[in-house]
PDB file of all heavy atoms in Angstrom:
ATOM      1  N   ALA A   1      13.296  -5.743  -5.488  1.00  0.00           N
ATOM      2  CA  ALA A   1      13.410  -7.068  -6.081  1.00  0.00           C
ATOM      3  C   ALA A   1      12.148  -7.921  -5.984  1.00  0.00           C
ATOM      4  O   ALA A   1      12.013  -8.887  -6.715  1.00  0.00           O
ATOM      5  CB  ALA A   1      14.578  -7.819  -5.443  1.00  0.00           C
ATOM      6  N   ALA A   2      11.230  -7.583  -5.101  1.00  0.00           N
ATOM      7  CA  ALA A   2      10.021  -8.391  -4.962  1.00  0.00           C
ATOM      8  C   ALA A   2       8.942  -7.999  -5.962  1.00  0.00           C
ATOM      9  O   ALA A   2       7.906  -8.655  -6.060  1.00  0.00           O
ATOM     10  CB  ALA A   2       9.476  -8.297  -3.538  1.00  0.00           C
ATOM     11  N   GLY A   3       9.185  -6.940  -6.732  1.00  0.00           N
ATOM     12  CA  GLY A   3       8.218  -6.504  -7.733  1.00  0.00           C
ATOM     13  C   GLY A   3       8.179  -7.436  -8.936  1.00  0.00           C
ATOM     14  O   GLY A   3       9.087  -8.229  -9.166  1.00  0.00           O
ATOM     15  N   GLN A   4       7.122  -7.321  -9.722  1.00  0.00           N
ATOM     16  CA  GLN A   4       6.902  -8.220 -10.847  1.00  0.00           C
ATOM     17  C   GLN A   4       7.996  -8.122 -11.912  1.00  0.00           C
ATOM     18  O   GLN A   4       8.514  -9.135 -12.377  1.00  0.00           O
ATOM     19  CB  GLN A   4       5.541  -7.925 -11.467  1.00  0.00           C
ATOM     20  CG  GLN A   4       5.115  -8.909 -12.515  1.00  0.00           C
ATOM     21  CD  GLN A   4       3.703  -8.663 -12.996  1.00  0.00           C
ATOM     22  OE1 GLN A   4       3.155  -7.587 -12.808  1.00  0.00           O
ATOM     23  NE2 GLN A   4       3.122  -9.652 -13.622  1.00  0.00           N
ATOM     24  N   VAL A   5       8.374  -6.920 -12.309  1.00  0.00           N
ATOM     25  CA  VAL A   5       9.401  -6.746 -13.332  1.00  0.00           C
ATOM     26  C   VAL A   5      10.754  -7.244 -12.815  1.00  0.00           C
ATOM     27  O   VAL A   5      11.498  -7.924 -13.539  1.00  0.00           O
ATOM     28  CB  VAL A   5       9.480  -5.277 -13.785  1.00  0.00           C
ATOM     29  CG1 VAL A   5      10.667  -5.044 -14.692  1.00  0.00           C
ATOM     30  CG2 VAL A   5       8.192  -4.868 -14.466  1.00  0.00           C
ATOM     31  N   ALA A   6      11.075  -6.913 -11.573  1.00  0.00           N
ATOM     32  CA  ALA A   6      12.347  -7.335 -11.001  1.00  0.00           C
ATOM     33  C   ALA A   6      12.434  -8.857 -10.895  1.00  0.00           C
ATOM     34  O   ALA A   6      13.503  -9.437 -11.083  1.00  0.00           O
ATOM     35  CB  ALA A   6      12.545  -6.701  -9.627  1.00  0.00           C
ATOM     36  N   ARG A   7      11.328  -9.508 -10.611  1.00  0.00           N
ATOM     37  CA  ARG A   7      11.338 -10.983 -10.553  1.00  0.00           C
ATOM     38  C   ARG A   7      11.627 -11.579 -11.921  1.00  0.00           C
ATOM     39  O   ARG A   7      12.371 -12.552 -12.037  1.00  0.00           O
ATOM     40  CB  ARG A   7       9.999 -11.504 -10.024  1.00  0.00           C
ATOM     41  CG  ARG A   7       9.820 -11.298  -8.551  1.00  0.00           C
ATOM     42  CD  ARG A   7       8.491 -11.865  -8.097  1.00  0.00           C
ATOM     43  NE  ARG A   7       8.208 -11.505  -6.730  1.00  0.00           N
ATOM     44  CZ  ARG A   7       7.649 -12.323  -5.859  1.00  0.00           C
ATOM     45  NH1 ARG A   7       7.305 -13.538  -6.212  1.00  0.00           N
ATOM     46  NH2 ARG A   7       7.425 -11.926  -4.631  1.00  0.00           N
ATOM     47  N   LEU A   8      11.046 -11.012 -12.959  1.00  0.00           N
ATOM     48  CA  LEU A   8      11.327 -11.486 -14.316  1.00  0.00           C
ATOM     49  C   LEU A   8      12.790 -11.272 -14.678  1.00  0.00           C
ATOM     50  O   LEU A   8      13.434 -12.153 -15.255  1.00  0.00           O
ATOM     51  CB  LEU A   8      10.419 -10.781 -15.333  1.00  0.00           C
ATOM     52  CG  LEU A   8       8.938 -11.103 -15.254  1.00  0.00           C
ATOM     53  CD1 LEU A   8       8.144 -10.183 -16.186  1.00  0.00           C
ATOM     54  CD2 LEU A   8       8.687 -12.560 -15.609  1.00  0.00           C
ATOM     55  N   LEU A   9      13.313 -10.099 -14.350  1.00  0.00           N
ATOM     56  CA  LEU A   9      14.717  -9.797 -14.612  1.00  0.00           C
ATOM     57  C   LEU A   9      15.631 -10.758 -13.862  1.00  0.00           C
ATOM     58  O   LEU A   9      16.596 -11.277 -14.417  1.00  0.00           O
ATOM     59  CB  LEU A   9      15.035  -8.355 -14.216  1.00  0.00           C
ATOM     60  CG  LEU A   9      16.494  -7.934 -14.330  1.00  0.00           C
ATOM     61  CD1 LEU A   9      16.955  -8.006 -15.777  1.00  0.00           C
ATOM     62  CD2 LEU A   9      16.694  -6.554 -13.755  1.00  0.00           C
ATOM     63  N   THR A  10      15.320 -11.022 -12.604  1.00  0.00           N
ATOM     64  CA  THR A  10      16.115 -11.947 -11.797  1.00  0.00           C
ATOM     65  C   THR A  10      16.164 -13.324 -12.433  1.00  0.00           C
ATOM     66  O   THR A  10      17.234 -13.921 -12.565  1.00  0.00           O
ATOM     67  CB  THR A  10      15.542 -12.045 -10.367  1.00  0.00           C
ATOM     68  OG1 THR A  10      15.609 -10.751  -9.759  1.00  0.00           O
ATOM     69  CG2 THR A  10      16.298 -13.048  -9.524  1.00  0.00           C
ATOM     70  N   ASP A  11      15.012 -13.840 -12.833  1.00  0.00           N
ATOM     71  CA  ASP A  11      14.961 -15.164 -13.470  1.00  0.00           C
ATOM     72  C   ASP A  11      15.795 -15.194 -14.752  1.00  0.00           C
ATOM     73  O   ASP A  11      16.542 -16.143 -14.993  1.00  0.00           O
ATOM     74  CB  ASP A  11      13.514 -15.562 -13.774  1.00  0.00           C
ATOM     75  CG  ASP A  11      12.711 -15.858 -12.516  1.00  0.00           C
ATOM     76  OD1 ASP A  11      13.329 -16.140 -11.467  1.00  0.00           O
ATOM     77  OD2 ASP A  11      11.477 -15.788 -12.602  1.00  0.00           O
ATOM     78  N   ASP A  12      15.667 -14.145 -15.574  1.00  0.00           N
ATOM     79  CA  ASP A  12      16.434 -14.090 -16.827  1.00  0.00           C
ATOM     80  C   ASP A  12      17.937 -14.026 -16.560  1.00  0.00           C
ATOM     81  O   ASP A  12      18.712 -14.715 -17.224  1.00  0.00           O
ATOM     82  CB  ASP A  12      16.009 -12.887 -17.669  1.00  0.00           C
ATOM     83  CG  ASP A  12      14.678 -13.095 -18.363  1.00  0.00           C
ATOM     84  OD1 ASP A  12      14.197 -14.251 -18.403  1.00  0.00           O
ATOM     85  OD2 ASP A  12      14.117 -12.099 -18.843  1.00  0.00           O
ATOM     86  N   LEU A  13      18.354 -13.203 -15.609  1.00  0.00           N
ATOM     87  CA  LEU A  13      19.781 -13.101 -15.303  1.00  0.00           C
ATOM     88  C   LEU A  13      20.338 -14.405 -14.763  1.00  0.00           C
ATOM     89  O   LEU A  13      21.453 -14.801 -15.099  1.00  0.00           O
ATOM     90  CB  LEU A  13      20.032 -11.970 -14.307  1.00  0.00           C
ATOM     91  CG  LEU A  13      19.887 -10.559 -14.849  1.00  0.00           C
ATOM     92  CD1 LEU A  13      19.987  -9.539 -13.719  1.00  0.00           C
ATOM     93  CD2 LEU A  13      20.926 -10.272 -15.914  1.00  0.00           C
ATOM     94  N   LEU A  14      19.578 -15.096 -13.932  1.00  0.00           N
ATOM     95  CA  LEU A  14      20.051 -16.370 -13.395  1.00  0.00           C
ATOM     96  C   LEU A  14      20.154 -17.436 -14.488  1.00  0.00           C
ATOM     97  O   LEU A  14      21.067 -18.255 -14.476  1.00  0.00           O
ATOM     98  CB  LEU A  14      19.138 -16.851 -12.268  1.00  0.00           C
ATOM     99  CG  LEU A  14      19.236 -16.055 -10.961  1.00  0.00           C
ATOM    100  CD1 LEU A  14      18.162 -16.495  -9.993  1.00  0.00           C
ATOM    101  CD2 LEU A  14      20.619 -16.190 -10.347  1.00  0.00           C
ATOM    102  N   ASP A  15      19.215 -17.410 -15.434  1.00  0.00           N
ATOM    103  CA  ASP A  15      19.219 -18.400 -16.515  1.00  0.00           C
ATOM    104  C   ASP A  15      20.284 -18.122 -17.573  1.00  0.00           C
ATOM    105  O   ASP A  15      20.868 -19.047 -18.129  1.00  0.00           O
ATOM    106  CB  ASP A  15      17.851 -18.449 -17.206  1.00  0.00           C
ATOM    107  CG  ASP A  15      16.767 -19.055 -16.332  1.00  0.00           C
ATOM    108  OD1 ASP A  15      17.099 -19.726 -15.334  1.00  0.00           O
ATOM    109  OD2 ASP A  15      15.579 -18.833 -16.650  1.00  0.00           O
ATOM    110  N   GLN A  16      20.531 -16.852 -17.870  1.00  0.00           N
ATOM    111  CA  GLN A  16      21.340 -16.501 -19.035  1.00  0.00           C
ATOM    112  C   GLN A  16      22.751 -16.012 -18.721  1.00  0.00           C
ATOM    113  O   GLN A  16      23.536 -15.796 -19.652  1.00  0.00           O
ATOM    114  CB  GLN A  16      20.609 -15.429 -19.838  1.00  0.00           C
ATOM    115  CG  GLN A  16      19.279 -15.915 -20.356  1.00  0.00           C
ATOM    116  CD  GLN A  16      18.510 -14.835 -21.079  1.00  0.00           C
ATOM    117  OE1 GLN A  16      19.073 -13.836 -21.520  1.00  0.00           O
ATOM    118  NE2 GLN A  16      17.206 -15.012 -21.204  1.00  0.00           N
ATOM    119  N   THR A  17      23.071 -15.820 -17.438  1.00  0.00           N
ATOM    120  CA  THR A  17      24.396 -15.302 -17.084  1.00  0.00           C
ATOM    121  C   THR A  17      24.956 -16.091 -15.905  1.00  0.00           C
ATOM    122  O   THR A  17      24.275 -16.942 -15.339  1.00  0.00           O
ATOM    123  CB  THR A  17      24.347 -13.811 -16.681  1.00  0.00           C
ATOM    124  OG1 THR A  17      23.662 -13.699 -15.435  1.00  0.00           O
ATOM    125  CG2 THR A  17      23.657 -12.970 -17.745  1.00  0.00           C
ATOM    126  N   ASP A  18      26.180 -15.757 -15.520  1.00  0.00           N
ATOM    127  CA  ASP A  18      26.756 -16.328 -14.303  1.00  0.00           C
ATOM    128  C   ASP A  18      26.971 -15.236 -13.259  1.00  0.00           C
ATOM    129  O   ASP A  18      27.780 -15.370 -12.349  1.00  0.00           O
ATOM    130  CB  ASP A  18      28.053 -17.064 -14.604  1.00  0.00           C
ATOM    131  CG  ASP A  18      29.113 -16.166 -15.194  1.00  0.00           C
ATOM    132  OD1 ASP A  18      28.787 -15.023 -15.588  1.00  0.00           O
ATOM    133  OD2 ASP A  18      30.278 -16.591 -15.252  1.00  0.00           O
ATOM    134  N   PHE A  19      26.229 -14.116 -13.384  1.00  0.00           N
ATOM    135  CA  PHE A  19      26.340 -12.999 -12.459  1.00  0.00           C
ATOM    136  C   PHE A  19      25.901 -13.399 -11.061  1.00  0.00           C
ATOM    137  O   PHE A  19      25.046 -14.262 -10.887  1.00  0.00           O
ATOM    138  CB  PHE A  19      25.460 -11.817 -12.894  1.00  0.00           C
ATOM    139  CG  PHE A  19      25.836 -11.204 -14.213  1.00  0.00           C
ATOM    140  CD1 PHE A  19      24.919 -10.436 -14.902  1.00  0.00           C
ATOM    141  CD2 PHE A  19      27.081 -11.383 -14.772  1.00  0.00           C
ATOM    142  CE1 PHE A  19      25.239  -9.857 -16.115  1.00  0.00           C
ATOM    143  CE2 PHE A  19      27.420 -10.804 -15.986  1.00  0.00           C
ATOM    144  CZ  PHE A  19      26.490 -10.042 -16.655  1.00  0.00           C
ATOM    145  N   GLN A  20      26.471 -12.718 -10.069  1.00  0.00           N
ATOM    146  CA  GLN A  20      25.997 -12.828  -8.698  1.00  0.00           C
ATOM    147  C   GLN A  20      24.999 -11.698  -8.488  1.00  0.00           C
ATOM    148  O   GLN A  20      25.237 -10.567  -8.920  1.00  0.00           O
ATOM    149  CB  GLN A  20      27.143 -12.702  -7.708  1.00  0.00           C
ATOM    150  CG  GLN A  20      28.103 -13.857  -7.767  1.00  0.00           C
ATOM    151  CD  GLN A  20      29.224 -13.680  -6.758  1.00  0.00           C
ATOM    152  OE1 GLN A  20      29.593 -12.582  -6.399  1.00  0.00           O
ATOM    153  NE2 GLN A  20      29.751 -14.799  -6.320  1.00  0.00           N
ATOM    154  N   LEU A  21      23.878 -11.987  -7.825  1.00  0.00           N
ATOM    155  CA  LEU A  21      22.825 -10.991  -7.646  1.00  0.00           C
ATOM    156  C   LEU A  21      22.634 -10.668  -6.172  1.00  0.00           C
ATOM    157  O   LEU A  21      22.720 -11.552  -5.318  1.00  0.00           O
ATOM    158  CB  LEU A  21      21.505 -11.503  -8.215  1.00  0.00           C
ATOM    159  CG  LEU A  21      21.497 -11.934  -9.680  1.00  0.00           C
ATOM    160  CD1 LEU A  21      20.122 -12.441 -10.068  1.00  0.00           C
ATOM    161  CD2 LEU A  21      21.927 -10.799 -10.579  1.00  0.00           C
ATOM    162  N   VAL A  22      22.354  -9.402  -5.908  1.00  0.00           N
ATOM    163  CA  VAL A  22      21.938  -8.950  -4.589  1.00  0.00           C
ATOM    164  C   VAL A  22      20.523  -8.420  -4.772  1.00  0.00           C
ATOM    165  O   VAL A  22      20.307  -7.462  -5.516  1.00  0.00           O
ATOM    166  CB  VAL A  22      22.855  -7.845  -4.035  1.00  0.00           C
ATOM    167  CG1 VAL A  22      22.338  -7.357  -2.690  1.00  0.00           C
ATOM    168  CG2 VAL A  22      24.283  -8.338  -3.920  1.00  0.00           C
ATOM    169  N   LEU A  23      19.552  -9.061  -4.137  1.00  0.00           N
ATOM    170  CA  LEU A  23      18.156  -8.654  -4.255  1.00  0.00           C
ATOM    171  C   LEU A  23      17.794  -7.845  -3.015  1.00  0.00           C
ATOM    172  O   LEU A  23      17.882  -8.334  -1.898  1.00  0.00           O
ATOM    173  CB  LEU A  23      17.252  -9.880  -4.376  1.00  0.00           C
ATOM    174  CG  LEU A  23      17.600 -10.841  -5.510  1.00  0.00           C
ATOM    175  CD1 LEU A  23      16.616 -12.005  -5.534  1.00  0.00           C
ATOM    176  CD2 LEU A  23      17.638 -10.135  -6.853  1.00  0.00           C
ATOM    177  N   TYR A  24      17.396  -6.593  -3.235  1.00  0.00           N
ATOM    178  CA  TYR A  24      17.130  -5.664  -2.150  1.00  0.00           C
ATOM    179  C   TYR A  24      15.679  -5.219  -2.218  1.00  0.00           C
ATOM    180  O   TYR A  24      15.180  -4.868  -3.294  1.00  0.00           O
ATOM    181  CB  TYR A  24      18.048  -4.447  -2.275  1.00  0.00           C
ATOM    182  CG  TYR A  24      17.835  -3.400  -1.208  1.00  0.00           C
ATOM    183  CD1 TYR A  24      18.545  -3.451  -0.022  1.00  0.00           C
ATOM    184  CD2 TYR A  24      16.939  -2.361  -1.394  1.00  0.00           C
ATOM    185  CE1 TYR A  24      18.360  -2.490   0.957  1.00  0.00           C
ATOM    186  CE2 TYR A  24      16.751  -1.396  -0.422  1.00  0.00           C
ATOM    187  CZ  TYR A  24      17.459  -1.468   0.746  1.00  0.00           C
ATOM    188  OH  TYR A  24      17.265  -0.526   1.715  1.00  0.00           O
ATOM    189  N   GLY A  25      15.004  -5.238  -1.087  1.00  0.00           N
ATOM    190  CA  GLY A  25      13.638  -4.744  -1.038  1.00  0.00           C
ATOM    191  C   GLY A  25      12.984  -5.081   0.276  1.00  0.00           C
ATOM    192  O   GLY A  25      13.589  -5.704   1.159  1.00  0.00           O
ATOM    193  N   ARG A  26      11.753  -4.678   0.407  1.00  0.00           N
ATOM    194  CA  ARG A  26      11.004  -4.901   1.640  1.00  0.00           C
ATOM    195  C   ARG A  26      10.650  -6.382   1.787  1.00  0.00           C
ATOM    196  O   ARG A  26      10.026  -6.969   0.900  1.00  0.00           O
ATOM    197  CB  ARG A  26       9.740  -4.051   1.634  1.00  0.00           C
ATOM    198  CG  ARG A  26       9.028  -4.032   2.972  1.00  0.00           C
ATOM    199  CD  ARG A  26       7.828  -3.155   2.939  1.00  0.00           C
ATOM    200  NE  ARG A  26       6.878  -3.749   1.984  1.00  0.00           N
ATOM    201  CZ  ARG A  26       5.804  -3.150   1.537  1.00  0.00           C
ATOM    202  NH1 ARG A  26       5.537  -1.933   1.897  1.00  0.00           N
ATOM    203  NH2 ARG A  26       5.015  -3.755   0.695  1.00  0.00           N
ATOM    204  N   ASN A  27      11.095  -6.976   2.877  1.00  0.00           N
ATOM    205  CA  ASN A  27      10.790  -8.372   3.233  1.00  0.00           C
ATOM    206  C   ASN A  27      11.219  -9.390   2.171  1.00  0.00           C
ATOM    207  O   ASN A  27      10.582 -10.420   2.015  1.00  0.00           O
ATOM    208  CB  ASN A  27       9.298  -8.548   3.530  1.00  0.00           C
ATOM    209  CG  ASN A  27       8.837  -7.694   4.675  1.00  0.00           C
ATOM    210  OD1 ASN A  27       9.551  -7.508   5.650  1.00  0.00           O
ATOM    211  ND2 ASN A  27       7.636  -7.162   4.567  1.00  0.00           N
ATOM    212  N   VAL A  28      12.295  -9.130   1.434  1.00  0.00           N
ATOM    213  CA  VAL A  28      12.710 -10.072   0.400  1.00  0.00           C
ATOM    214  C   VAL A  28      13.186 -11.401   0.982  1.00  0.00           C
ATOM    215  O   VAL A  28      13.070 -12.425   0.324  1.00  0.00           O
ATOM    216  CB  VAL A  28      13.782  -9.505  -0.558  1.00  0.00           C
ATOM    217  CG1 VAL A  28      13.228  -8.390  -1.386  1.00  0.00           C
ATOM    218  CG2 VAL A  28      15.028  -9.110   0.149  1.00  0.00           C
ATOM    219  N   SER A  29      13.689 -11.388   2.206  1.00  0.00           N
ATOM    220  CA  SER A  29      14.166 -12.657   2.781  1.00  0.00           C
ATOM    221  C   SER A  29      13.025 -13.648   2.980  1.00  0.00           C
ATOM    222  O   SER A  29      13.256 -14.857   2.948  1.00  0.00           O
ATOM    223  CB  SER A  29      14.906 -12.421   4.092  1.00  0.00           C
ATOM    224  OG  SER A  29      14.045 -11.859   5.055  1.00  0.00           O
ATOM    225  N   THR A  30      11.804 -13.159   3.142  1.00  0.00           N
ATOM    226  CA  THR A  30      10.661 -14.072   3.236  1.00  0.00           C
ATOM    227  C   THR A  30       9.939 -14.198   1.898  1.00  0.00           C
ATOM    228  O   THR A  30       9.520 -15.287   1.530  1.00  0.00           O
ATOM    229  CB  THR A  30       9.661 -13.601   4.307  1.00  0.00           C
ATOM    230  OG1 THR A  30       9.265 -12.261   4.034  1.00  0.00           O
ATOM    231  CG2 THR A  30      10.266 -13.676   5.685  1.00  0.00           C
ATOM    232  N   ARG A  31       9.821 -13.107   1.155  1.00  0.00           N
ATOM    233  CA  ARG A  31       9.083 -13.131  -0.106  1.00  0.00           C
ATOM    234  C   ARG A  31       9.824 -13.856  -1.221  1.00  0.00           C
ATOM    235  O   ARG A  31       9.209 -14.413  -2.133  1.00  0.00           O
ATOM    236  CB  ARG A  31       8.747 -11.706  -0.548  1.00  0.00           C
ATOM    237  CG  ARG A  31       7.813 -11.010   0.439  1.00  0.00           C
ATOM    238  CD  ARG A  31       7.692  -9.539   0.183  1.00  0.00           C
ATOM    239  NE  ARG A  31       6.897  -9.273  -0.998  1.00  0.00           N
ATOM    240  CZ  ARG A  31       6.701  -8.050  -1.473  1.00  0.00           C
ATOM    241  NH1 ARG A  31       7.268  -7.015  -0.892  1.00  0.00           N
ATOM    242  NH2 ARG A  31       5.960  -7.873  -2.540  1.00  0.00           N
ATOM    243  N   LEU A  32      11.161 -13.847  -1.181  1.00  0.00           N
ATOM    244  CA  LEU A  32      11.958 -14.469  -2.237  1.00  0.00           C
ATOM    245  C   LEU A  32      12.888 -15.550  -1.686  1.00  0.00           C
ATOM    246  O   LEU A  32      13.959 -15.794  -2.252  1.00  0.00           O
ATOM    247  CB  LEU A  32      12.774 -13.407  -2.978  1.00  0.00           C
ATOM    248  CG  LEU A  32      11.985 -12.305  -3.682  1.00  0.00           C
ATOM    249  CD1 LEU A  32      12.924 -11.292  -4.300  1.00  0.00           C
ATOM    250  CD2 LEU A  32      11.049 -12.875  -4.718  1.00  0.00           C
TER     251      LEU A  32
END
């Protein structure tokens, strides 16, 4: 989830849907 493409996807999903997201990756709790 901390990668560039995943960040774009996350922003789009949050803006355009009401989905709940789980972001998984190395150090995401600090990076995101």
